[in-house]
N, C-alpha and C. Protein backbone atom coordinates (compact mmCIF):
# COMPACT_ATOMS: atom_id res chain seq x y z
N MET A 1 -0.29 -6.17 44.23
CA MET A 1 -0.23 -6.22 42.77
C MET A 1 -1.32 -7.16 42.26
N ASP A 2 -2.02 -6.70 41.23
CA ASP A 2 -3.03 -7.57 40.63
C ASP A 2 -2.47 -8.25 39.38
N ILE A 3 -3.28 -9.11 38.77
CA ILE A 3 -2.82 -9.90 37.63
C ILE A 3 -2.45 -9.02 36.44
N LEU A 4 -3.17 -7.92 36.24
CA LEU A 4 -2.87 -7.01 35.14
C LEU A 4 -1.51 -6.35 35.34
N GLU A 5 -1.22 -5.96 36.56
CA GLU A 5 0.09 -5.35 36.84
C GLU A 5 1.23 -6.35 36.69
N ILE A 6 1.01 -7.57 37.13
CA ILE A 6 2.02 -8.61 36.97
C ILE A 6 2.26 -8.88 35.48
N ALA A 7 1.18 -8.99 34.71
CA ALA A 7 1.31 -9.20 33.26
C ALA A 7 2.06 -8.03 32.62
N ALA A 8 1.75 -6.82 33.05
CA ALA A 8 2.42 -5.64 32.49
C ALA A 8 3.92 -5.71 32.75
N ILE A 9 4.31 -5.98 33.97
CA ILE A 9 5.74 -6.06 34.29
C ILE A 9 6.42 -7.16 33.47
N LEU A 10 5.79 -8.32 33.39
CA LEU A 10 6.40 -9.45 32.66
C LEU A 10 6.52 -9.17 31.16
N VAL A 11 5.45 -8.70 30.54
CA VAL A 11 5.46 -8.47 29.09
C VAL A 11 6.34 -7.28 28.74
N ILE A 12 6.17 -6.17 29.44
CA ILE A 12 6.99 -4.99 29.16
C ILE A 12 8.46 -5.29 29.42
N GLY A 13 8.74 -6.04 30.48
CA GLY A 13 10.12 -6.41 30.79
C GLY A 13 10.74 -7.32 29.75
N PHE A 14 9.97 -8.30 29.29
CA PHE A 14 10.47 -9.20 28.26
C PHE A 14 10.79 -8.43 26.99
N VAL A 15 9.82 -7.64 26.52
CA VAL A 15 10.00 -6.92 25.26
C VAL A 15 11.15 -5.92 25.37
N GLY A 16 11.16 -5.14 26.43
CA GLY A 16 12.22 -4.14 26.60
C GLY A 16 13.60 -4.76 26.71
N SER A 17 13.69 -5.84 27.46
CA SER A 17 14.99 -6.51 27.62
C SER A 17 15.45 -7.18 26.33
N ALA A 18 14.53 -7.84 25.64
CA ALA A 18 14.88 -8.51 24.39
C ALA A 18 15.34 -7.50 23.34
N GLU A 19 14.59 -6.42 23.20
CA GLU A 19 14.96 -5.42 22.19
C GLU A 19 16.24 -4.68 22.56
N PHE A 20 16.42 -4.36 23.84
CA PHE A 20 17.65 -3.67 24.24
C PHE A 20 18.85 -4.60 24.09
N GLY A 21 18.68 -5.87 24.44
CA GLY A 21 19.75 -6.84 24.23
C GLY A 21 20.10 -7.00 22.77
N SER A 22 19.08 -7.03 21.93
CA SER A 22 19.31 -7.12 20.49
C SER A 22 20.09 -5.91 19.98
N ALA A 23 19.67 -4.73 20.42
CA ALA A 23 20.31 -3.49 19.95
C ALA A 23 21.75 -3.36 20.42
N THR A 24 22.01 -3.77 21.65
CA THR A 24 23.33 -3.52 22.22
C THR A 24 24.28 -4.71 22.19
N LEU A 25 23.74 -5.92 22.05
CA LEU A 25 24.60 -7.10 22.10
C LEU A 25 24.63 -7.90 20.80
N VAL A 26 23.51 -7.98 20.09
CA VAL A 26 23.43 -8.79 18.87
C VAL A 26 23.82 -7.98 17.64
N HIS A 27 23.18 -6.85 17.44
CA HIS A 27 23.42 -6.09 16.20
C HIS A 27 24.83 -5.53 16.06
N PRO A 28 25.53 -5.19 17.12
CA PRO A 28 26.93 -4.79 16.92
C PRO A 28 27.77 -5.92 16.32
N VAL A 29 27.45 -7.16 16.65
CA VAL A 29 28.15 -8.31 16.06
C VAL A 29 27.78 -8.45 14.58
N ILE A 30 26.50 -8.30 14.28
CA ILE A 30 26.05 -8.40 12.89
C ILE A 30 26.77 -7.37 12.02
N ARG A 31 26.95 -6.16 12.53
CA ARG A 31 27.59 -5.09 11.74
C ARG A 31 29.03 -5.42 11.36
N ARG A 32 29.66 -6.34 12.07
CA ARG A 32 31.05 -6.71 11.75
C ARG A 32 31.14 -7.84 10.72
N LEU A 33 30.01 -8.41 10.35
CA LEU A 33 30.00 -9.50 9.36
C LEU A 33 30.14 -8.95 7.94
N GLU A 34 30.50 -9.83 7.03
CA GLU A 34 30.49 -9.47 5.61
C GLU A 34 29.05 -9.13 5.21
N THR A 35 28.91 -8.30 4.20
CA THR A 35 27.59 -7.80 3.82
C THR A 35 26.58 -8.91 3.55
N GLU A 36 26.97 -9.94 2.79
CA GLU A 36 26.04 -11.02 2.49
C GLU A 36 25.66 -11.80 3.74
N ASP A 37 26.59 -11.93 4.67
CA ASP A 37 26.29 -12.58 5.93
C ASP A 37 25.33 -11.74 6.77
N GLN A 38 25.50 -10.43 6.71
CA GLN A 38 24.55 -9.53 7.38
C GLN A 38 23.14 -9.74 6.83
N LEU A 39 23.04 -9.83 5.51
CA LEU A 39 21.74 -10.04 4.87
C LEU A 39 21.12 -11.35 5.36
N THR A 40 21.89 -12.42 5.36
CA THR A 40 21.38 -13.72 5.82
C THR A 40 20.93 -13.64 7.27
N PHE A 41 21.73 -13.03 8.11
CA PHE A 41 21.42 -12.91 9.53
C PHE A 41 20.15 -12.09 9.73
N GLU A 42 20.07 -10.93 9.08
CA GLU A 42 18.91 -10.05 9.24
C GLU A 42 17.63 -10.73 8.76
N LYS A 43 17.70 -11.42 7.64
CA LYS A 43 16.53 -12.13 7.15
C LYS A 43 16.12 -13.24 8.12
N GLY A 44 17.09 -13.88 8.73
CA GLY A 44 16.79 -14.89 9.75
C GLY A 44 16.11 -14.30 10.97
N LEU A 45 16.59 -13.13 11.40
CA LEU A 45 15.97 -12.47 12.55
C LEU A 45 14.53 -12.06 12.25
N LEU A 46 14.25 -11.74 11.00
CA LEU A 46 12.87 -11.39 10.64
C LEU A 46 11.93 -12.58 10.85
N LYS A 47 12.47 -13.79 10.78
CA LYS A 47 11.65 -14.98 10.98
C LYS A 47 11.49 -15.34 12.46
N THR A 48 12.29 -14.75 13.32
CA THR A 48 12.16 -15.01 14.76
C THR A 48 11.64 -13.74 15.44
N PHE A 49 12.52 -12.77 15.67
CA PHE A 49 12.12 -11.51 16.29
C PHE A 49 10.97 -10.86 15.52
N GLY A 50 11.05 -10.89 14.21
CA GLY A 50 10.08 -10.20 13.36
C GLY A 50 8.67 -10.76 13.45
N ARG A 51 8.53 -11.95 13.92
CA ARG A 51 7.20 -12.54 14.08
C ARG A 51 6.66 -12.36 15.49
N VAL A 52 7.53 -12.33 16.47
CA VAL A 52 7.11 -12.27 17.87
C VAL A 52 7.03 -10.83 18.39
N MET A 53 8.02 -10.04 18.07
CA MET A 53 8.12 -8.74 18.72
C MET A 53 7.04 -7.73 18.33
N PRO A 54 6.54 -7.70 17.11
CA PRO A 54 5.45 -6.75 16.84
C PRO A 54 4.23 -7.00 17.73
N ILE A 55 3.92 -8.27 17.96
CA ILE A 55 2.81 -8.61 18.85
C ILE A 55 3.17 -8.23 20.28
N GLY A 56 4.38 -8.60 20.70
CA GLY A 56 4.82 -8.29 22.05
C GLY A 56 4.87 -6.80 22.33
N MET A 57 5.39 -6.02 21.38
CA MET A 57 5.46 -4.57 21.57
C MET A 57 4.08 -3.94 21.66
N THR A 58 3.16 -4.43 20.86
CA THR A 58 1.80 -3.90 20.88
C THR A 58 1.11 -4.24 22.21
N ILE A 59 1.26 -5.48 22.66
CA ILE A 59 0.67 -5.88 23.94
C ILE A 59 1.32 -5.11 25.09
N ALA A 60 2.65 -4.96 25.04
CA ALA A 60 3.35 -4.22 26.10
C ALA A 60 2.84 -2.79 26.19
N THR A 61 2.67 -2.16 25.03
CA THR A 61 2.19 -0.77 25.02
C THR A 61 0.76 -0.71 25.55
N ALA A 62 -0.08 -1.64 25.09
CA ALA A 62 -1.47 -1.65 25.57
C ALA A 62 -1.53 -1.86 27.08
N LEU A 63 -0.74 -2.79 27.59
CA LEU A 63 -0.71 -3.03 29.04
C LEU A 63 -0.21 -1.80 29.79
N GLY A 64 0.82 -1.15 29.24
CA GLY A 64 1.33 0.06 29.87
C GLY A 64 0.28 1.16 29.95
N ILE A 65 -0.50 1.31 28.89
CA ILE A 65 -1.55 2.32 28.86
C ILE A 65 -2.68 1.96 29.84
N VAL A 66 -3.11 0.70 29.82
CA VAL A 66 -4.20 0.27 30.71
C VAL A 66 -3.80 0.43 32.17
N VAL A 67 -2.59 0.02 32.51
CA VAL A 67 -2.14 0.14 33.90
C VAL A 67 -2.06 1.61 34.29
N ALA A 68 -1.62 2.46 33.38
CA ALA A 68 -1.54 3.90 33.67
C ALA A 68 -2.93 4.51 33.84
N ILE A 69 -3.89 4.05 33.08
CA ILE A 69 -5.27 4.55 33.23
C ILE A 69 -5.85 4.11 34.58
N ASN A 70 -5.56 2.87 34.97
CA ASN A 70 -6.06 2.35 36.25
C ASN A 70 -5.42 3.01 37.45
N ASP A 71 -4.20 3.48 37.32
CA ASP A 71 -3.47 4.12 38.41
C ASP A 71 -2.66 5.26 37.80
N PRO A 72 -3.26 6.43 37.69
CA PRO A 72 -2.61 7.53 36.95
C PRO A 72 -1.45 8.20 37.70
N SER A 73 -0.48 7.41 38.13
CA SER A 73 0.72 8.00 38.73
C SER A 73 1.63 8.53 37.62
N ALA A 74 2.49 9.44 37.97
CA ALA A 74 3.42 9.99 36.97
C ALA A 74 4.33 8.90 36.41
N TRP A 75 4.76 7.97 37.25
CA TRP A 75 5.64 6.88 36.80
C TRP A 75 4.97 6.09 35.68
N LEU A 76 3.71 5.72 35.90
CA LEU A 76 2.99 4.90 34.93
C LEU A 76 2.61 5.70 33.69
N ALA A 77 2.30 6.97 33.88
CA ALA A 77 1.99 7.82 32.72
C ALA A 77 3.20 7.93 31.82
N PHE A 78 4.36 8.19 32.41
CA PHE A 78 5.58 8.30 31.60
C PHE A 78 5.99 6.96 31.00
N ALA A 79 5.71 5.86 31.70
CA ALA A 79 5.97 4.54 31.13
C ALA A 79 5.12 4.34 29.89
N ALA A 80 3.84 4.67 29.97
CA ALA A 80 2.92 4.51 28.84
C ALA A 80 3.36 5.39 27.67
N ILE A 81 3.80 6.60 27.96
CA ILE A 81 4.28 7.52 26.92
C ILE A 81 5.53 6.95 26.25
N SER A 82 6.45 6.47 27.05
CA SER A 82 7.70 5.91 26.52
C SER A 82 7.43 4.71 25.63
N LEU A 83 6.56 3.81 26.08
CA LEU A 83 6.22 2.62 25.30
C LEU A 83 5.48 3.00 24.01
N SER A 84 4.62 4.00 24.10
CA SER A 84 3.88 4.46 22.92
C SER A 84 4.82 5.06 21.88
N ILE A 85 5.76 5.86 22.32
CA ILE A 85 6.73 6.45 21.39
C ILE A 85 7.58 5.35 20.76
N ALA A 86 7.97 4.35 21.55
CA ALA A 86 8.74 3.22 21.01
C ALA A 86 7.96 2.51 19.92
N LEU A 87 6.67 2.32 20.12
CA LEU A 87 5.85 1.66 19.10
C LEU A 87 5.74 2.52 17.84
N ILE A 88 5.62 3.82 18.01
CA ILE A 88 5.57 4.73 16.86
C ILE A 88 6.89 4.69 16.09
N VAL A 89 8.01 4.69 16.80
CA VAL A 89 9.32 4.59 16.15
C VAL A 89 9.40 3.29 15.34
N THR A 90 8.89 2.22 15.92
CA THR A 90 8.89 0.92 15.24
C THR A 90 8.08 0.98 13.94
N ILE A 91 6.91 1.56 14.02
CA ILE A 91 6.01 1.61 12.87
C ILE A 91 6.56 2.49 11.75
N ILE A 92 7.10 3.66 12.11
CA ILE A 92 7.57 4.58 11.05
C ILE A 92 9.01 4.35 10.65
N GLY A 93 9.80 3.71 11.52
CA GLY A 93 11.22 3.53 11.24
C GLY A 93 11.63 2.11 10.92
N ASN A 94 11.48 1.22 11.88
CA ASN A 94 11.97 -0.15 11.72
C ASN A 94 11.13 -0.98 10.76
N PHE A 95 9.82 -0.89 10.87
CA PHE A 95 8.94 -1.75 10.08
C PHE A 95 9.14 -1.60 8.57
N PRO A 96 9.19 -0.38 8.02
CA PRO A 96 9.41 -0.28 6.57
C PRO A 96 10.75 -0.87 6.12
N ILE A 97 11.78 -0.70 6.93
CA ILE A 97 13.08 -1.26 6.59
C ILE A 97 13.04 -2.78 6.67
N ASN A 98 12.34 -3.31 7.66
CA ASN A 98 12.19 -4.76 7.76
C ASN A 98 11.44 -5.32 6.55
N LEU A 99 10.42 -4.61 6.09
CA LEU A 99 9.70 -5.06 4.89
C LEU A 99 10.62 -5.11 3.69
N ARG A 100 11.42 -4.06 3.51
CA ARG A 100 12.35 -4.04 2.36
C ARG A 100 13.38 -5.16 2.49
N THR A 101 13.88 -5.38 3.69
CA THR A 101 14.86 -6.45 3.90
C THR A 101 14.23 -7.81 3.59
N GLY A 102 13.02 -8.03 4.05
CA GLY A 102 12.35 -9.30 3.82
C GLY A 102 12.04 -9.58 2.36
N ARG A 103 11.94 -8.54 1.56
CA ARG A 103 11.63 -8.70 0.14
C ARG A 103 12.86 -8.96 -0.73
N ILE A 104 14.03 -8.89 -0.14
CA ILE A 104 15.26 -9.16 -0.91
C ILE A 104 15.30 -10.65 -1.20
N THR A 105 15.37 -11.00 -2.47
CA THR A 105 15.37 -12.42 -2.85
C THR A 105 16.75 -12.91 -3.27
N GLU A 106 17.63 -11.98 -3.59
CA GLU A 106 18.98 -12.36 -4.02
C GLU A 106 19.81 -12.80 -2.82
N LYS A 107 20.83 -13.57 -3.09
CA LYS A 107 21.78 -13.96 -2.04
C LYS A 107 22.80 -12.85 -1.79
N THR A 108 22.95 -11.97 -2.78
CA THR A 108 23.87 -10.84 -2.67
C THR A 108 23.08 -9.62 -2.25
N ALA A 109 23.58 -8.92 -1.26
CA ALA A 109 22.88 -7.72 -0.77
C ALA A 109 22.86 -6.66 -1.87
N PRO A 110 21.73 -6.01 -2.06
CA PRO A 110 21.64 -4.96 -3.08
C PRO A 110 22.40 -3.71 -2.64
N LYS A 111 22.65 -2.85 -3.61
CA LYS A 111 23.32 -1.58 -3.32
C LYS A 111 22.47 -0.82 -2.29
N GLY A 112 23.12 -0.23 -1.33
CA GLY A 112 22.44 0.54 -0.30
C GLY A 112 21.94 -0.27 0.89
N PHE A 113 22.16 -1.59 0.84
CA PHE A 113 21.66 -2.45 1.92
C PHE A 113 22.27 -2.06 3.26
N VAL A 114 23.58 -1.91 3.31
CA VAL A 114 24.25 -1.61 4.58
C VAL A 114 23.78 -0.27 5.12
N ALA A 115 23.68 0.74 4.28
CA ALA A 115 23.21 2.06 4.73
C ALA A 115 21.78 1.96 5.27
N MET A 116 20.94 1.17 4.59
CA MET A 116 19.56 0.98 5.03
C MET A 116 19.53 0.33 6.41
N ARG A 117 20.36 -0.68 6.62
CA ARG A 117 20.39 -1.36 7.91
C ARG A 117 20.97 -0.48 9.01
N ARG A 118 21.91 0.42 8.67
CA ARG A 118 22.43 1.32 9.70
C ARG A 118 21.35 2.32 10.12
N ARG A 119 20.46 2.71 9.19
CA ARG A 119 19.30 3.54 9.58
C ARG A 119 18.41 2.75 10.53
N TRP A 120 18.22 1.46 10.22
CA TRP A 120 17.43 0.60 11.09
C TRP A 120 18.06 0.54 12.48
N ASP A 121 19.39 0.44 12.54
CA ASP A 121 20.08 0.39 13.83
C ASP A 121 19.79 1.63 14.67
N ALA A 122 19.75 2.79 14.03
CA ALA A 122 19.47 4.04 14.76
C ALA A 122 18.05 4.00 15.34
N PHE A 123 17.10 3.56 14.54
CA PHE A 123 15.73 3.42 15.05
C PHE A 123 15.69 2.37 16.16
N GLN A 124 16.45 1.30 16.00
CA GLN A 124 16.45 0.21 16.97
C GLN A 124 16.95 0.66 18.33
N ILE A 125 18.05 1.40 18.35
CA ILE A 125 18.57 1.83 19.65
C ILE A 125 17.61 2.81 20.31
N ALA A 126 16.92 3.62 19.51
CA ALA A 126 15.93 4.55 20.07
C ALA A 126 14.76 3.78 20.67
N ARG A 127 14.19 2.86 19.90
CA ARG A 127 13.01 2.15 20.41
C ARG A 127 13.38 1.23 21.57
N ALA A 128 14.52 0.57 21.48
CA ALA A 128 14.93 -0.33 22.55
C ALA A 128 15.17 0.43 23.85
N SER A 129 15.77 1.60 23.75
CA SER A 129 15.99 2.43 24.94
C SER A 129 14.67 2.88 25.53
N LEU A 130 13.75 3.31 24.67
CA LEU A 130 12.42 3.74 25.14
C LEU A 130 11.67 2.58 25.80
N GLN A 131 11.80 1.39 25.25
CA GLN A 131 11.13 0.23 25.84
C GLN A 131 11.74 -0.13 27.20
N LEU A 132 13.05 -0.06 27.30
CA LEU A 132 13.69 -0.36 28.57
C LEU A 132 13.32 0.69 29.62
N ILE A 133 13.31 1.95 29.20
CA ILE A 133 12.89 3.03 30.11
C ILE A 133 11.43 2.81 30.53
N GLY A 134 10.58 2.43 29.56
CA GLY A 134 9.18 2.14 29.89
C GLY A 134 9.06 1.03 30.92
N PHE A 135 9.87 0.01 30.78
CA PHE A 135 9.86 -1.09 31.75
C PHE A 135 10.27 -0.61 33.14
N ILE A 136 11.35 0.15 33.20
CA ILE A 136 11.83 0.66 34.49
C ILE A 136 10.76 1.53 35.15
N LEU A 137 10.18 2.45 34.37
CA LEU A 137 9.15 3.35 34.92
C LEU A 137 7.90 2.57 35.35
N ALA A 138 7.48 1.60 34.55
CA ALA A 138 6.30 0.80 34.90
C ALA A 138 6.55 0.01 36.18
N THR A 139 7.74 -0.56 36.29
CA THR A 139 8.06 -1.33 37.49
C THR A 139 8.05 -0.45 38.72
N ILE A 140 8.67 0.71 38.62
CA ILE A 140 8.67 1.63 39.77
C ILE A 140 7.24 2.04 40.11
N GLY A 141 6.46 2.36 39.08
CA GLY A 141 5.08 2.79 39.31
C GLY A 141 4.21 1.71 39.91
N ILE A 142 4.42 0.47 39.51
CA ILE A 142 3.60 -0.63 40.01
C ILE A 142 4.05 -1.07 41.40
N VAL A 143 5.35 -1.19 41.58
CA VAL A 143 5.87 -1.67 42.86
C VAL A 143 5.78 -0.60 43.93
N GLY A 144 5.83 0.64 43.51
CA GLY A 144 5.74 1.75 44.47
C GLY A 144 7.01 2.56 44.43
N GLY A 145 6.95 3.64 43.70
CA GLY A 145 8.13 4.48 43.50
C GLY A 145 8.48 5.30 44.73
N PRO A 146 9.64 5.94 44.62
CA PRO A 146 10.10 6.78 45.73
C PRO A 146 9.17 7.94 45.99
């Protein structure tokens, strides 16, 4: 394994695990909170996840593509495809909803807030699953698949 492959496994693994953990362990708890508490929590996450993960997802996708170009195995090609689709889902699905959430200035959630966030949840589980699958495929492709 070279340094690029090690970086790919580490970055793709971090991003995929963080996003999948968020989708399956954190956001189900948020959904049980009162609406205003959901708003506070989501706005807080935009200041943590929202600042780190766009960079991480972009780097993970770029690393997945570069590693797949350097070693065009089916495992790595499908990893790059999975990561690329996850990034597209983020850009067209999650990002616009995050922008709207971040622009809310009131302490009370506006009408339609919960429905908007449930749409975000659907995009989140899709992208998080694709990122985790990308990580698994990249790891198999780099370490040496069956």
